[in-house]
Each structure stands twice: as C-alpha cells, then as structure tokens.
C-alpha cells in the first residue's frame, strides 16, 4: 500500500513538472497551422479563431493548476 502511494505521488509530481516544462499543445481546430481553410475555396484561409492564428493552446492541467498562460507558453510572475 505504501509503495502504491509513493508511485502515485511520483506520478503527480512528474505530471506537474511536465506542465511547467511543456505548457502548450496543438490547437485541435487548425492542427498547429494557425489557419482555417475554406471548405468551398480550398486555397483561401483565415486565422484560426480558437488559437488566434498561433496554432497553440494551453494544456488543460495548465489552466487548472497554474491559471493558464493565455496560449503564450509563458507563465506570469505572481
């Protein structure tokens, strides 16, 4: 039982470290291109509305545990 708690605690600490080291993920809408292509005219595009054209989004854990980075990848100093 104690070993299971130690392994679980190590997993949580590792996950929190991973969030600080790699806070961003691919935008699921544009798949990191930053562009949303028109279905009618395939050569036309606009900036992705979900990520603002950056192609990056905060991971869910970053928003929950650290308050988010605003999709920039840089944490604000408190």
PDB file of N, CA and C in Angstrom:
ATOM      1  N   UNK A   1       0.815  -1.197   0.000  1.00  0.00           N
ATOM      2  CA  UNK A   1       0.000   0.000   0.000  1.00  0.00           C
ATOM      3  C   UNK A   1       0.860   1.263   0.000  1.00  0.00           C
ATOM      4  N   UNK A   2       1.915   1.258   0.798  1.00  0.00           N
ATOM      5  CA  UNK A   2       2.806   2.416   0.866  1.00  0.00           C
ATOM      6  C   UNK A   2       3.513   2.630  -0.460  1.00  0.00           C
ATOM      7  N   UNK A   3       3.917   1.546  -1.079  1.00  0.00           N
ATOM      8  CA  UNK A   3       4.600   1.655  -2.373  1.00  0.00           C
ATOM      9  C   UNK A   3       3.674   2.254  -3.424  1.00  0.00           C
ATOM     10  N   UNK A   4       2.408   1.894  -3.372  1.00  0.00           N
ATOM     11  CA  UNK A   4       1.434   2.447  -4.322  1.00  0.00           C
ATOM     12  C   UNK A   4       1.268   3.953  -4.123  1.00  0.00           C
ATOM     13  N   UNK A   5       1.262   4.414  -2.878  1.00  0.00           N
ATOM     14  CA  UNK A   5       1.166   5.845  -2.603  1.00  0.00           C
ATOM     15  C   UNK A   5       2.412   6.592  -3.084  1.00  0.00           C
ATOM     16  N   UNK A   6       3.558   6.003  -2.912  1.00  0.00           N
ATOM     17  CA  UNK A   6       4.803   6.638  -3.366  1.00  0.00           C
ATOM     18  C   UNK A   6       4.830   6.731  -4.890  1.00  0.00           C
ATOM     19  N   UNK A   7       4.417   5.689  -5.561  1.00  0.00           N
ATOM     20  CA  UNK A   7       4.376   5.698  -7.028  1.00  0.00           C
ATOM     21  C   UNK A   7       3.350   6.722  -7.519  1.00  0.00           C
ATOM     22  N   UNK A   8       2.203   6.789  -6.861  1.00  0.00           N
ATOM     23  CA  UNK A   8       1.183   7.763  -7.231  1.00  0.00           C
ATOM     24  C   UNK A   8       1.661   9.192  -7.027  1.00  0.00           C
ATOM     25  N   UNK A   9       2.324   9.456  -5.900  1.00  0.00           N
ATOM     26  CA  UNK A   9       2.850  10.800  -5.625  1.00  0.00           C
ATOM     27  C   UNK A   9       3.922  11.172  -6.640  1.00  0.00           C
ATOM     28  N   UNK A  10       4.769  10.227  -7.005  1.00  0.00           N
ATOM     29  CA  UNK A  10       5.811  10.488  -8.008  1.00  0.00           C
ATOM     30  C   UNK A  10       5.171  10.796  -9.365  1.00  0.00           C
ATOM     31  N   UNK A  11       4.084  10.108  -9.673  1.00  0.00           N
ATOM     32  CA  UNK A  11       3.380  10.380 -10.933  1.00  0.00           C
ATOM     33  C   UNK A  11       2.773  11.765 -10.972  1.00  0.00           C
ATOM     34  N   UNK A  12       2.192  12.192  -9.855  1.00  0.00           N
ATOM     35  CA  UNK A  12       1.592  13.533  -9.779  1.00  0.00           C
ATOM     36  C   UNK A  12       2.664  14.605  -9.886  1.00  0.00           C
ATOM     37  N   UNK A  13       3.776  14.431  -9.186  1.00  0.00           N
ATOM     38  CA  UNK A  13       4.878  15.398  -9.258  1.00  0.00           C
ATOM     39  C   UNK A  13       5.443  15.450 -10.674  1.00  0.00           C
ATOM     40  N   UNK A  14       5.578  14.305 -11.307  1.00  0.00           N
ATOM     41  CA  UNK A  14       6.064  14.263 -12.688  1.00  0.00           C
ATOM     42  C   UNK A  14       5.123  14.970 -13.653  1.00  0.00           C
ATOM     43  N   UNK A  15       3.826  14.802 -13.446  1.00  0.00           N
ATOM     44  CA  UNK A  15       2.840  15.469 -14.297  1.00  0.00           C
ATOM     45  C   UNK A  15       2.895  16.979 -14.115  1.00  0.00           C
ATOM     46  N   UNK A  16       2.999  17.448 -12.875  1.00  0.00           N
ATOM     47  CA  UNK A  16       3.085  18.884 -12.626  1.00  0.00           C
ATOM     48  C   UNK A  16       4.361  19.466 -13.211  1.00  0.00           C
ATOM     49  N   UNK A  17       5.465  18.744 -13.123  1.00  0.00           N
ATOM     50  CA  UNK A  17       6.712  19.195 -13.747  1.00  0.00           C
ATOM     51  C   UNK A  17       6.554  19.256 -15.264  1.00  0.00           C
ATOM     52  N   UNK A  18       5.879  18.269 -15.835  1.00  0.00           N
ATOM     53  CA  UNK A  18       5.643  18.248 -17.277  1.00  0.00           C
ATOM     54  C   UNK A  18       4.814  19.447 -17.720  1.00  0.00           C
ATOM     55  N   UNK A  19       3.827  19.843 -16.910  1.00  0.00           N
ATOM     56  CA  UNK A  19       3.011  21.009 -17.252  1.00  0.00           C
ATOM     57  C   UNK A  19       3.840  22.281 -17.267  1.00  0.00           C
ATOM     58  N   UNK A  20       4.765  22.422 -16.313  1.00  0.00           N
ATOM     59  CA  UNK A  20       5.608  23.619 -16.275  1.00  0.00           C
ATOM     60  C   UNK A  20       6.597  23.621 -17.437  1.00  0.00           C
ATOM     61  N   UNK A  21       7.126  22.468 -17.791  1.00  0.00           N
ATOM     62  CA  UNK A  21       8.124  22.388 -18.859  1.00  0.00           C
ATOM     63  C   UNK A  21       7.495  22.509 -20.244  1.00  0.00           C
ATOM     64  N   UNK A  22       6.310  21.940 -20.424  1.00  0.00           N
ATOM     65  CA  UNK A  22       5.637  21.920 -21.728  1.00  0.00           C
ATOM     66  C   UNK A  22       4.176  22.323 -21.562  1.00  0.00           C
ATOM     67  N   UNK A  23       3.877  23.628 -21.435  1.00  0.00           N
ATOM     68  CA  UNK A  23       2.512  24.049 -21.136  1.00  0.00           C
ATOM     69  C   UNK A  23       1.571  24.086 -22.335  1.00  0.00           C
ATOM     70  N   UNK A  24       2.063  23.932 -23.547  1.00  0.00           N
ATOM     71  CA  UNK A  24       1.212  24.094 -24.728  1.00  0.00           C
ATOM     72  C   UNK A  24       0.948  22.769 -25.435  1.00  0.00           C
ATOM     73  N   UNK A  25      -0.148  22.760 -26.190  1.00  0.00           N
ATOM     74  CA  UNK A  25      -0.491  21.624 -27.050  1.00  0.00           C
ATOM     75  C   UNK A  25      -0.915  22.183 -28.402  1.00  0.00           C
ATOM     76  N   UNK A  26      -1.106  21.302 -29.365  1.00  0.00           N
ATOM     77  CA  UNK A  26      -1.584  21.728 -30.679  1.00  0.00           C
ATOM     78  C   UNK A  26      -3.022  22.190 -30.599  1.00  0.00           C
ATOM     79  N   UNK A  27      -3.354  23.208 -31.368  1.00  0.00           N
ATOM     80  CA  UNK A  27      -4.747  23.633 -31.464  1.00  0.00           C
ATOM     81  C   UNK A  27      -5.516  22.531 -32.195  1.00  0.00           C
ATOM     82  N   UNK A  28      -6.614  22.025 -31.616  1.00  0.00           N
ATOM     83  CA  UNK A  28      -7.333  20.934 -32.264  1.00  0.00           C
ATOM     84  C   UNK A  28      -8.078  21.352 -33.536  1.00  0.00           C
ATOM     85  N   UNK A  29      -8.322  22.629 -33.706  1.00  0.00           N
ATOM     86  CA  UNK A  29      -9.068  23.087 -34.873  1.00  0.00           C
ATOM     87  C   UNK A  29      -8.180  23.198 -36.101  1.00  0.00           C
ATOM     88  N   UNK A  30      -7.047  23.888 -35.966  1.00  0.00           N
ATOM     89  CA  UNK A  30      -6.195  24.136 -37.139  1.00  0.00           C
ATOM     90  C   UNK A  30      -5.003  23.193 -37.207  1.00  0.00           C
ATOM     91  N   UNK A  31      -4.807  22.362 -36.204  1.00  0.00           N
ATOM     92  CA  UNK A  31      -3.717  21.396 -36.145  1.00  0.00           C
ATOM     93  C   UNK A  31      -2.353  22.059 -36.307  1.00  0.00           C
ATOM     94  N   UNK A  32      -2.163  23.176 -35.631  1.00  0.00           N
ATOM     95  CA  UNK A  32      -0.921  23.933 -35.499  1.00  0.00           C
ATOM     96  C   UNK A  32      -0.506  24.675 -36.768  1.00  0.00           C
ATOM     97  N   UNK A  33      -1.404  24.849 -37.708  1.00  0.00           N
ATOM     98  CA  UNK A  33      -1.065  25.651 -38.882  1.00  0.00           C
ATOM     99  C   UNK A  33      -1.388  27.117 -38.645  1.00  0.00           C
ATOM    100  N   UNK A  34      -2.312  27.400 -37.726  1.00  0.00           N
ATOM    101  CA  UNK A  34      -2.725  28.769 -37.462  1.00  0.00           C
ATOM    102  C   UNK A  34      -3.734  29.287 -38.476  1.00  0.00           C
ATOM    103  N   UNK A  35      -4.104  28.426 -39.417  1.00  0.00           N
ATOM    104  CA  UNK A  35      -5.020  28.845 -40.477  1.00  0.00           C
ATOM    105  C   UNK A  35      -6.214  27.904 -40.547  1.00  0.00           C
ATOM    106  N   UNK A  36      -7.345  28.468 -40.877  1.00  0.00           N
ATOM    107  CA  UNK A  36      -8.569  27.699 -41.102  1.00  0.00           C
ATOM    108  C   UNK A  36      -8.904  27.833 -42.585  1.00  0.00           C
ATOM    109  N   UNK A  37      -8.864  26.725 -43.294  1.00  0.00           N
ATOM    110  CA  UNK A  37      -9.093  26.748 -44.736  1.00  0.00           C
ATOM    111  C   UNK A  37     -10.574  26.666 -45.059  1.00  0.00           C
ATOM    112  N   UNK A  38     -10.954  27.325 -46.135  1.00  0.00           N
ATOM    113  CA  UNK A  38     -12.339  27.348 -46.572  1.00  0.00           C
ATOM    114  C   UNK A  38     -12.717  26.011 -47.198  1.00  0.00           C
ATOM    115  N   UNK A  39     -13.881  25.462 -46.847  1.00  0.00           N
ATOM    116  CA  UNK A  39     -14.298  24.213 -47.482  1.00  0.00           C
ATOM    117  C   UNK A  39     -14.737  24.412 -48.937  1.00  0.00           C
ATOM    118  N   UNK A  40     -15.156  25.621 -49.301  1.00  0.00           N
ATOM    119  CA  UNK A  40     -15.630  25.885 -50.658  1.00  0.00           C
ATOM    120  C   UNK A  40     -14.466  26.256 -51.576  1.00  0.00           C
ATOM    121  N   UNK A  41     -13.601  27.145 -51.112  1.00  0.00           N
ATOM    122  CA  UNK A  41     -12.441  27.589 -51.879  1.00  0.00           C
ATOM    123  C   UNK A  41     -11.178  27.148 -51.143  1.00  0.00           C
ATOM    124  N   UNK A  42     -10.618  25.997 -51.476  1.00  0.00           N
ATOM    125  CA  UNK A  42      -9.543  25.399 -50.675  1.00  0.00           C
ATOM    126  C   UNK A  42      -8.242  26.215 -50.641  1.00  0.00           C
ATOM    127  N   UNK A  43      -8.060  27.182 -51.511  1.00  0.00           N
ATOM    128  CA  UNK A  43      -6.843  27.989 -51.469  1.00  0.00           C
ATOM    129  C   UNK A  43      -6.984  29.204 -50.565  1.00  0.00           C
ATOM    130  N   UNK A  44      -8.177  29.459 -50.075  1.00  0.00           N
ATOM    131  CA  UNK A  44      -8.415  30.616 -49.216  1.00  0.00           C
ATOM    132  C   UNK A  44      -8.421  30.189 -47.754  1.00  0.00           C
ATOM    133  N   UNK A  45      -7.911  31.057 -46.907  1.00  0.00           N
ATOM    134  CA  UNK A  45      -7.888  30.754 -45.483  1.00  0.00           C
ATOM    135  C   UNK A  45      -7.962  32.037 -44.669  1.00  0.00           C
ATOM    136  N   UNK A  46      -8.226  31.852 -43.378  1.00  0.00           N
ATOM    137  CA  UNK A  46      -8.258  32.954 -42.421  1.00  0.00           C
ATOM    138  C   UNK A  46      -7.552  32.465 -41.162  1.00  0.00           C
ATOM    139  N   UNK A  47      -7.186  33.387 -40.249  1.00  0.00           N
ATOM    140  CA  UNK A  47      -6.593  32.934 -38.989  1.00  0.00           C
ATOM    141  C   UNK A  47      -7.588  32.097 -38.186  1.00  0.00           C
ATOM    142  N   UNK A  48      -7.088  31.101 -37.527  1.00  0.00           N
ATOM    143  CA  UNK A  48      -7.931  30.232 -36.705  1.00  0.00           C
ATOM    144  C   UNK A  48      -8.528  31.044 -35.564  1.00  0.00           C
ATOM    145  N   UNK A  49      -9.826  30.883 -35.331  1.00  0.00           N
ATOM    146  CA  UNK A  49     -10.491  31.638 -34.269  1.00  0.00           C
ATOM    147  C   UNK A  49     -10.185  31.091 -32.884  1.00  0.00           C
ATOM    148  N   UNK A  50      -9.922  29.798 -32.785  1.00  0.00           N
ATOM    149  CA  UNK A  50      -9.676  29.204 -31.465  1.00  0.00           C
ATOM    150  C   UNK A  50      -8.330  29.597 -30.888  1.00  0.00           C
ATOM    151  N   UNK A  51      -7.302  29.637 -31.703  1.00  0.00           N
ATOM    152  CA  UNK A  51      -5.962  29.919 -31.184  1.00  0.00           C
ATOM    153  C   UNK A  51      -5.465  31.300 -31.582  1.00  0.00           C
ATOM    154  N   UNK A  52      -6.234  32.055 -32.345  1.00  0.00           N
ATOM    155  CA  UNK A  52      -5.806  33.382 -32.765  1.00  0.00           C
ATOM    156  C   UNK A  52      -4.717  33.353 -33.822  1.00  0.00           C
ATOM    157  N   UNK A  53      -4.545  32.242 -34.484  1.00  0.00           N
ATOM    158  CA  UNK A  53      -3.542  32.127 -35.541  1.00  0.00           C
ATOM    159  C   UNK A  53      -2.181  31.654 -35.067  1.00  0.00           C
ATOM    160  N   UNK A  54      -2.038  31.314 -33.788  1.00  0.00           N
ATOM    161  CA  UNK A  54      -0.744  30.853 -33.290  1.00  0.00           C
ATOM    162  C   UNK A  54      -0.564  29.356 -33.450  1.00  0.00           C
ATOM    163  N   UNK A  55      -1.646  28.601 -33.469  1.00  0.00           N
ATOM    164  CA  UNK A  55      -1.566  27.150 -33.582  1.00  0.00           C
ATOM    165  C   UNK A  55      -1.322  26.465 -32.255  1.00  0.00           C
ATOM    166  N   UNK A  56      -1.297  27.226 -31.154  1.00  0.00           N
ATOM    167  CA  UNK A  56      -1.011  26.660 -29.835  1.00  0.00           C
ATOM    168  C   UNK A  56      -2.146  26.947 -28.862  1.00  0.00           C
ATOM    169  N   UNK A  57      -2.353  26.012 -27.948  1.00  0.00           N
ATOM    170  CA  UNK A  57      -3.355  26.161 -26.889  1.00  0.00           C
ATOM    171  C   UNK A  57      -2.747  25.681 -25.573  1.00  0.00           C
ATOM    172  N   UNK A  58      -3.248  26.190 -24.452  1.00  0.00           N
ATOM    173  CA  UNK A  58      -2.817  25.706 -23.142  1.00  0.00           C
ATOM    174  C   UNK A  58      -3.333  24.293 -22.907  1.00  0.00           C
ATOM    175  N   UNK A  59      -2.523  23.481 -22.237  1.00  0.00           N
ATOM    176  CA  UNK A  59      -2.994  22.172 -21.809  1.00  0.00           C
ATOM    177  C   UNK A  59      -4.005  22.365 -20.688  1.00  0.00           C
ATOM    178  N   UNK A  60      -4.905  21.419 -20.514  1.00  0.00           N
ATOM    179  CA  UNK A  60      -5.951  21.530 -19.511  1.00  0.00           C
ATOM    180  C   UNK A  60      -5.367  21.670 -18.107  1.00  0.00           C
ATOM    181  N   UNK A  61      -4.350  20.904 -17.785  1.00  0.00           N
ATOM    182  CA  UNK A  61      -3.741  20.971 -16.460  1.00  0.00           C
ATOM    183  C   UNK A  61      -3.102  22.314 -16.173  1.00  0.00           C
ATOM    184  N   UNK A  62      -2.617  22.993 -17.197  1.00  0.00           N
ATOM    185  CA  UNK A  62      -2.015  24.315 -17.003  1.00  0.00           C
ATOM    186  C   UNK A  62      -3.080  25.300 -16.565  1.00  0.00           C
ATOM    187  N   UNK A  63      -4.250  25.201 -17.150  1.00  0.00           N
ATOM    188  CA  UNK A  63      -5.344  26.098 -16.762  1.00  0.00           C
ATOM    189  C   UNK A  63      -5.845  25.780 -15.352  1.00  0.00           C
ATOM    190  N   UNK A  64      -5.913  24.512 -15.007  1.00  0.00           N
ATOM    191  CA  UNK A  64      -6.453  24.099 -13.712  1.00  0.00           C
ATOM    192  C   UNK A  64      -5.473  24.405 -12.580  1.00  0.00           C
ATOM    193  N   UNK A  65      -4.205  24.001 -12.723  1.00  0.00           N
ATOM    194  CA  UNK A  65      -3.257  24.105 -11.626  1.00  0.00           C
ATOM    195  C   UNK A  65      -2.492  25.425 -11.589  1.00  0.00           C
ATOM    196  N   UNK A  66      -2.255  26.046 -12.738  1.00  0.00           N
ATOM    197  CA  UNK A  66      -1.427  27.244 -12.778  1.00  0.00           C
ATOM    198  C   UNK A  66      -2.164  28.487 -13.268  1.00  0.00           C
ATOM    199  N   UNK A  67      -3.419  28.379 -13.643  1.00  0.00           N
ATOM    200  CA  UNK A  67      -4.187  29.535 -14.080  1.00  0.00           C
ATOM    201  C   UNK A  67      -4.031  29.882 -15.545  1.00  0.00           C
ATOM    202  N   UNK A  68      -3.275  29.102 -16.290  1.00  0.00           N
ATOM    203  CA  UNK A  68      -3.119  29.320 -17.725  1.00  0.00           C
ATOM    204  C   UNK A  68      -2.018  30.307 -18.069  1.00  0.00           C
ATOM    205  N   UNK A  69      -1.625  30.273 -19.335  1.00  0.00           N
ATOM    206  CA  UNK A  69      -0.600  31.185 -19.835  1.00  0.00           C
ATOM    207  C   UNK A  69      -1.156  32.119 -20.893  1.00  0.00           C
ATOM    208  N   UNK A  70      -2.431  31.997 -21.192  1.00  0.00           N
ATOM    209  CA  UNK A  70      -3.012  32.804 -22.261  1.00  0.00           C
ATOM    210  C   UNK A  70      -2.559  32.336 -23.633  1.00  0.00           C
ATOM    211  N   UNK A  71      -2.243  31.050 -23.759  1.00  0.00           N
ATOM    212  CA  UNK A  71      -1.783  30.416 -25.005  1.00  0.00           C
ATOM    213  C   UNK A  71      -0.462  30.992 -25.488  1.00  0.00           C
ATOM    214  N   UNK A  72       0.343  31.556 -24.583  1.00  0.00           N
ATOM    215  CA  UNK A  72       1.662  32.074 -24.970  1.00  0.00           C
ATOM    216  C   UNK A  72       2.778  31.139 -24.571  1.00  0.00           C
ATOM    217  N   UNK A  73       2.553  30.304 -23.568  1.00  0.00           N
ATOM    218  CA  UNK A  73       3.589  29.406 -23.087  1.00  0.00           C
ATOM    219  C   UNK A  73       4.468  30.034 -22.022  1.00  0.00           C
ATOM    220  N   UNK A  74       4.175  31.267 -21.626  1.00  0.00           N
ATOM    221  CA  UNK A  74       4.975  31.946 -20.605  1.00  0.00           C
ATOM    222  C   UNK A  74       4.101  32.214 -19.390  1.00  0.00           C
ATOM    223  N   UNK A  75       4.552  31.742 -18.250  1.00  0.00           N
ATOM    224  CA  UNK A  75       3.812  31.956 -17.019  1.00  0.00           C
ATOM    225  C   UNK A  75       4.089  33.359 -16.492  1.00  0.00           C
ATOM    226  N   UNK A  76       3.047  33.987 -15.946  1.00  0.00           N
ATOM    227  CA  UNK A  76       3.213  35.308 -15.358  1.00  0.00           C
ATOM    228  C   UNK A  76       3.766  35.187 -13.946  1.00  0.00           C
ATOM    229  N   UNK A  77       4.539  36.171 -13.540  1.00  0.00           N
ATOM    230  CA  UNK A  77       5.076  36.157 -12.189  1.00  0.00           C
ATOM    231  C   UNK A  77       4.018  36.651 -11.228  1.00  0.00           C
ATOM    232  N   UNK A  78       3.935  36.014 -10.085  1.00  0.00           N
ATOM    233  CA  UNK A  78       2.905  36.378  -9.110  1.00  0.00           C
ATOM    234  C   UNK A  78       3.431  37.377  -8.135  1.00  0.00           C
TER     235      UNK A  78
END
